[in-house]
N, C-alpha and C. Protein backbone atom coordinates (compact mmCIF):
# COMPACT_ATOMS: atom_id res chain seq x y z
N MET A 1 -30.03 20.31 41.49
CA MET A 1 -31.42 19.95 41.29
C MET A 1 -32.06 19.46 42.59
N PHE A 2 -31.34 18.69 43.38
CA PHE A 2 -31.90 18.13 44.61
C PHE A 2 -31.31 18.78 45.86
N GLU A 3 -30.71 19.97 45.70
CA GLU A 3 -30.01 20.62 46.80
C GLU A 3 -30.90 20.88 48.01
N THR A 4 -32.18 21.12 47.79
CA THR A 4 -33.08 21.46 48.89
C THR A 4 -33.53 20.24 49.69
N LEU A 5 -33.28 19.05 49.16
CA LEU A 5 -33.65 17.83 49.89
C LEU A 5 -32.62 17.51 50.96
N SER A 6 -33.09 17.13 52.12
CA SER A 6 -32.16 16.65 53.15
C SER A 6 -31.59 15.31 52.70
N ASP A 7 -30.50 14.91 53.31
CA ASP A 7 -29.91 13.60 52.98
C ASP A 7 -30.93 12.50 53.17
N LYS A 8 -31.68 12.56 54.26
CA LYS A 8 -32.68 11.53 54.57
C LYS A 8 -33.76 11.48 53.51
N LYS A 9 -34.27 12.64 53.11
CA LYS A 9 -35.33 12.66 52.09
C LYS A 9 -34.81 12.20 50.74
N LEU A 10 -33.57 12.53 50.43
CA LEU A 10 -32.95 12.06 49.19
C LEU A 10 -32.84 10.54 49.20
N GLN A 11 -32.37 9.99 50.31
CA GLN A 11 -32.25 8.54 50.44
C GLN A 11 -33.62 7.86 50.36
N ASP A 12 -34.61 8.47 51.01
CA ASP A 12 -35.97 7.92 50.97
C ASP A 12 -36.52 7.95 49.54
N ALA A 13 -36.29 9.06 48.84
CA ALA A 13 -36.77 9.19 47.46
C ALA A 13 -36.11 8.15 46.57
N TYR A 14 -34.82 7.93 46.78
CA TYR A 14 -34.09 6.93 46.00
C TYR A 14 -34.65 5.53 46.26
N GLN A 15 -34.80 5.19 47.51
CA GLN A 15 -35.31 3.85 47.86
C GLN A 15 -36.70 3.63 47.28
N LYS A 16 -37.56 4.64 47.36
CA LYS A 16 -38.92 4.52 46.84
C LYS A 16 -38.90 4.40 45.31
N ALA A 17 -38.04 5.16 44.66
CA ALA A 17 -37.93 5.10 43.20
C ALA A 17 -37.49 3.71 42.75
N VAL A 18 -36.55 3.12 43.48
CA VAL A 18 -36.09 1.76 43.17
C VAL A 18 -37.23 0.77 43.41
N GLU A 19 -37.90 0.91 44.55
CA GLU A 19 -38.99 0.01 44.91
C GLU A 19 -40.12 0.04 43.87
N LEU A 20 -40.42 1.23 43.37
CA LEU A 20 -41.52 1.38 42.40
C LEU A 20 -41.07 1.20 40.96
N VAL A 21 -39.77 0.90 40.78
CA VAL A 21 -39.17 0.71 39.46
C VAL A 21 -39.52 1.91 38.56
N LEU A 22 -39.19 3.10 39.06
CA LEU A 22 -39.42 4.31 38.28
C LEU A 22 -38.39 4.42 37.17
N ASP A 23 -38.53 5.43 36.35
CA ASP A 23 -37.67 5.66 35.20
C ASP A 23 -36.19 5.58 35.58
N ARG A 24 -35.44 4.81 34.84
CA ARG A 24 -34.01 4.58 35.14
C ARG A 24 -33.22 5.89 35.13
N GLU A 25 -33.54 6.81 34.24
CA GLU A 25 -32.83 8.08 34.19
C GLU A 25 -33.06 8.91 35.45
N PHE A 26 -34.28 8.87 35.99
CA PHE A 26 -34.58 9.57 37.24
C PHE A 26 -33.77 8.96 38.39
N ILE A 27 -33.73 7.65 38.43
CA ILE A 27 -32.96 6.96 39.48
C ILE A 27 -31.49 7.31 39.36
N LYS A 28 -30.97 7.40 38.13
CA LYS A 28 -29.57 7.77 37.94
C LYS A 28 -29.29 9.18 38.45
N LEU A 29 -30.24 10.10 38.28
CA LEU A 29 -30.08 11.46 38.82
C LEU A 29 -29.98 11.41 40.35
N LEU A 30 -30.86 10.63 40.96
CA LEU A 30 -30.81 10.48 42.42
C LEU A 30 -29.49 9.86 42.85
N GLU A 31 -29.04 8.84 42.14
CA GLU A 31 -27.77 8.18 42.45
C GLU A 31 -26.62 9.17 42.37
N ALA A 32 -26.61 10.00 41.34
CA ALA A 32 -25.54 10.98 41.17
C ALA A 32 -25.50 11.95 42.34
N GLU A 33 -26.65 12.39 42.80
CA GLU A 33 -26.70 13.31 43.94
C GLU A 33 -26.25 12.60 45.22
N ILE A 34 -26.63 11.36 45.39
CA ILE A 34 -26.20 10.59 46.57
C ILE A 34 -24.68 10.46 46.57
N ILE A 35 -24.10 10.14 45.43
CA ILE A 35 -22.64 10.02 45.33
C ILE A 35 -21.99 11.37 45.57
N ASN A 36 -22.57 12.43 45.00
CA ASN A 36 -22.05 13.78 45.17
C ASN A 36 -21.99 14.17 46.65
N ARG A 37 -22.95 13.71 47.42
CA ARG A 37 -23.01 14.03 48.85
C ARG A 37 -22.17 13.07 49.71
N GLY A 38 -21.56 12.10 49.07
CA GLY A 38 -20.73 11.16 49.82
C GLY A 38 -21.54 10.12 50.57
N LEU A 39 -22.72 9.81 50.06
CA LEU A 39 -23.62 8.85 50.71
C LEU A 39 -23.69 7.55 49.93
N LYS A 40 -22.66 7.25 49.16
CA LYS A 40 -22.69 6.10 48.24
C LYS A 40 -23.06 4.79 48.93
N GLY A 41 -22.73 4.63 50.20
CA GLY A 41 -23.05 3.41 50.92
C GLY A 41 -24.54 3.18 51.04
N HIS A 42 -25.35 4.18 50.71
CA HIS A 42 -26.80 4.07 50.82
C HIS A 42 -27.46 3.66 49.51
N LEU A 43 -26.67 3.43 48.48
CA LEU A 43 -27.24 3.02 47.19
C LEU A 43 -27.69 1.58 47.27
N ASP A 44 -28.76 1.27 46.56
CA ASP A 44 -29.34 -0.07 46.54
C ASP A 44 -28.65 -0.88 45.46
N THR A 45 -27.92 -1.89 45.85
CA THR A 45 -27.19 -2.71 44.88
C THR A 45 -28.12 -3.50 43.98
N ARG A 46 -29.39 -3.63 44.37
CA ARG A 46 -30.35 -4.35 43.51
C ARG A 46 -30.55 -3.62 42.19
N MET A 47 -30.35 -2.29 42.17
CA MET A 47 -30.50 -1.54 40.93
C MET A 47 -29.50 -2.01 39.89
N ASP A 48 -28.27 -2.27 40.32
CA ASP A 48 -27.27 -2.75 39.39
C ASP A 48 -27.68 -4.07 38.77
N GLU A 49 -28.25 -4.94 39.60
CA GLU A 49 -28.69 -6.24 39.10
C GLU A 49 -29.87 -6.09 38.16
N SER A 50 -30.84 -5.25 38.50
CA SER A 50 -32.04 -5.13 37.68
C SER A 50 -31.77 -4.40 36.38
N SER A 51 -30.74 -3.56 36.33
CA SER A 51 -30.46 -2.83 35.11
C SER A 51 -29.84 -3.73 34.03
N HIS A 52 -29.41 -4.92 34.40
CA HIS A 52 -28.83 -5.85 33.45
C HIS A 52 -29.87 -6.80 32.86
N GLN A 53 -31.10 -6.70 33.29
CA GLN A 53 -32.13 -7.63 32.80
C GLN A 53 -32.72 -7.14 31.52
């Protein structure tokens, strides 16, 4: 789904989605692609905290 996005644009999209508190399912799709690309260190740990509220 996100294959055409560069790593940088994917990371930017993820950060912006978290910042704007977009739909959790959309953020999970972005997270899955980040993990798939081996970029897990770029995930925002604040999402884990906010998902428990």
